[in-house]
Amino acid sequence: MPEFKFDDSEAIEFQLLPTGWYVVTVDSVESAVASTGTRMLKCLLRVDEGEYEGQPLFQNLMLEGRAGGITKSFLRAATGDPSGGSRDTSELVGCKLRVRVTQKIWAEADGGDGELQNNIAKFTPIESDSVFG
């Protein structure tokens, strides 16, 4: 039977984060298409500080339709410009921002398992004084 070596020196296990504000860095952004056919960005964010430093957070951002409100919030926080138009995803990688994390149940109707998952409810610029708004 073939053998393999697993390097767990940097492995982080998924954790539910307590509801609150976290400083994060955008690790990666890739274009994708949702199962509904909607264009989206798949984002990987990492918590930068505190007890949960290094914890990954995942966020899909819709590029069309009514679900685009959170995308505008993300773009405003990451770049200062929430407007539409073409962008290069590489300009988003490395951006630091604040996120408000809550939890929600990942509904089976949406392909989930009925378990709680982290949910990014809001994005704000890192220098924002209105993080509690």
Protein backbone atom coordinates (compact mmCIF):
# COMPACT_ATOMS: atom_id res chain seq x y z
CA MET A 1 0.00 0.00 0.00
CA PRO A 2 1.39 3.48 -0.89
CA GLU A 3 2.64 5.61 1.99
CA PHE A 4 2.31 9.34 2.45
CA LYS A 5 3.76 11.91 4.80
CA PHE A 6 1.49 14.53 6.37
CA ASP A 7 3.13 17.75 7.56
CA ASP A 8 0.82 19.12 10.26
CA SER A 9 3.22 21.80 11.49
CA GLU A 10 0.99 24.62 10.13
CA ALA A 11 -2.39 22.87 10.14
CA ILE A 12 -5.29 24.75 11.69
CA GLU A 13 -8.51 22.97 12.51
CA PHE A 14 -11.79 24.69 11.77
CA GLN A 15 -13.31 26.50 14.77
CA LEU A 16 -16.48 28.45 15.29
CA LEU A 17 -15.42 31.94 16.29
CA PRO A 18 -17.29 33.75 19.03
CA THR A 19 -19.50 36.55 17.72
CA GLY A 20 -17.41 39.68 17.47
CA TRP A 21 -15.09 41.87 15.41
CA TYR A 22 -11.84 40.46 13.98
CA VAL A 23 -8.97 41.97 12.00
CA VAL A 24 -8.34 39.81 8.94
CA THR A 25 -6.13 39.68 5.86
CA VAL A 26 -7.40 38.58 2.46
CA ASP A 27 -5.31 35.49 1.61
CA SER A 28 -6.83 34.58 -1.74
CA VAL A 29 -9.61 35.56 -4.12
CA GLU A 30 -10.73 33.53 -7.10
CA SER A 31 -13.51 33.95 -9.62
CA ALA A 32 -16.12 31.20 -9.65
CA VAL A 33 -19.69 30.44 -10.64
CA ALA A 34 -22.26 29.44 -8.00
CA SER A 35 -24.49 26.41 -8.55
CA THR A 36 -27.23 28.91 -9.46
CA GLY A 37 -25.12 30.23 -12.34
CA THR A 38 -24.34 33.50 -10.54
CA ARG A 39 -20.81 34.86 -10.92
CA MET A 40 -19.00 35.19 -7.59
CA LEU A 41 -15.68 35.59 -5.83
CA LYS A 42 -14.51 32.90 -3.42
CA CYS A 43 -12.46 34.57 -0.70
CA LEU A 44 -10.18 33.10 1.95
CA LEU A 45 -9.52 35.44 4.88
CA ARG A 46 -7.30 34.80 7.91
CA VAL A 47 -7.67 36.24 11.40
CA ASP A 48 -4.59 38.37 12.15
CA GLU A 49 -4.52 38.66 15.91
CA GLY A 50 -5.65 37.33 19.25
CA GLU A 51 -6.62 33.85 20.35
CA TYR A 52 -7.89 32.93 16.88
CA GLU A 53 -4.89 34.19 14.90
CA GLY A 54 -4.49 32.16 11.71
CA GLN A 55 -8.09 30.90 11.74
CA PRO A 56 -9.45 30.81 8.19
CA LEU A 57 -12.75 32.40 7.24
CA PHE A 58 -14.41 31.73 3.90
CA GLN A 59 -16.75 34.12 2.10
CA ASN A 60 -18.47 33.89 -1.27
CA LEU A 61 -19.24 37.32 -2.73
CA MET A 62 -21.88 37.52 -5.44
CA LEU A 63 -21.02 39.71 -8.42
CA GLU A 64 -24.59 40.19 -9.62
CA GLY A 65 -28.11 40.21 -8.24
CA ARG A 66 -29.53 41.21 -4.88
CA ALA A 67 -26.86 39.46 -2.82
CA GLY A 68 -24.31 42.06 -3.96
CA GLY A 69 -24.74 44.24 -0.86
CA ILE A 70 -22.12 42.33 1.13
CA THR A 71 -19.83 42.53 -1.92
CA LYS A 72 -20.10 46.34 -1.86
CA SER A 73 -19.30 46.29 1.87
CA PHE A 74 -16.23 44.11 1.20
CA LEU A 75 -14.98 46.32 -1.66
CA ARG A 76 -15.49 49.49 0.39
CA ALA A 77 -13.52 48.02 3.31
CA ALA A 78 -10.75 46.51 1.18
CA THR A 79 -10.22 49.24 -1.43
CA GLY A 80 -12.27 52.26 -0.41
CA ASP A 81 -14.24 51.97 -3.67
CA PRO A 82 -17.49 49.97 -3.62
CA SER A 83 -18.43 50.78 -7.22
CA GLY A 84 -19.01 48.24 -9.94
CA GLY A 85 -16.82 47.66 -12.96
CA SER A 86 -13.87 45.45 -13.78
CA ARG A 87 -11.15 44.75 -11.24
CA ASP A 88 -8.15 42.50 -10.90
CA THR A 89 -8.60 40.03 -8.02
CA SER A 90 -4.89 40.38 -7.19
CA GLU A 91 -5.52 43.94 -5.91
CA LEU A 92 -7.62 42.42 -3.10
CA VAL A 93 -5.04 39.90 -1.87
CA GLY A 94 -3.18 41.21 1.16
CA CYS A 95 -5.83 43.79 2.08
CA LYS A 96 -6.48 44.10 5.82
CA LEU A 97 -9.97 44.81 7.11
CA ARG A 98 -12.31 44.21 10.02
CA VAL A 99 -15.11 41.69 9.89
CA ARG A 100 -18.11 41.13 12.14
CA VAL A 101 -18.44 37.38 12.62
CA THR A 102 -21.65 35.69 13.71
CA GLN A 103 -22.82 32.10 13.33
CA LYS A 104 -25.58 30.64 11.21
CA ILE A 105 -26.90 27.19 10.46
CA TRP A 106 -25.78 25.87 7.09
CA ALA A 107 -29.16 24.72 5.80
CA GLU A 108 -29.41 21.33 4.15
CA ALA A 109 -31.52 22.95 1.41
CA ASP A 110 -28.43 25.00 0.54
CA GLY A 111 -26.18 21.94 0.40
CA GLY A 112 -25.17 22.18 4.05
CA ASP A 113 -25.18 19.73 6.89
CA GLY A 114 -27.44 21.59 9.32
CA GLU A 115 -24.46 22.54 11.51
CA LEU A 116 -23.38 25.99 12.69
CA GLN A 117 -20.81 27.82 10.60
CA ASN A 118 -19.02 31.15 10.80
CA ASN A 119 -20.84 33.95 9.00
CA ILE A 120 -19.33 37.30 8.04
CA ALA A 121 -22.11 39.78 8.69
CA LYS A 122 -20.20 43.01 7.94
CA PHE A 123 -16.92 44.33 6.59
CA THR A 124 -15.37 47.66 7.64
CA PRO A 125 -12.06 49.37 6.82
CA ILE A 126 -9.30 48.65 9.31
CA GLU A 127 -9.09 52.34 10.31
CA SER A 128 -12.85 52.71 10.74
CA ASP A 129 -14.22 54.16 13.96
CA SER A 130 -17.66 52.76 13.17
CA VAL A 131 -16.92 49.07 13.68
CA PHE A 132 -19.73 48.78 16.18
CA GLY A 133 -22.30 50.33 13.86
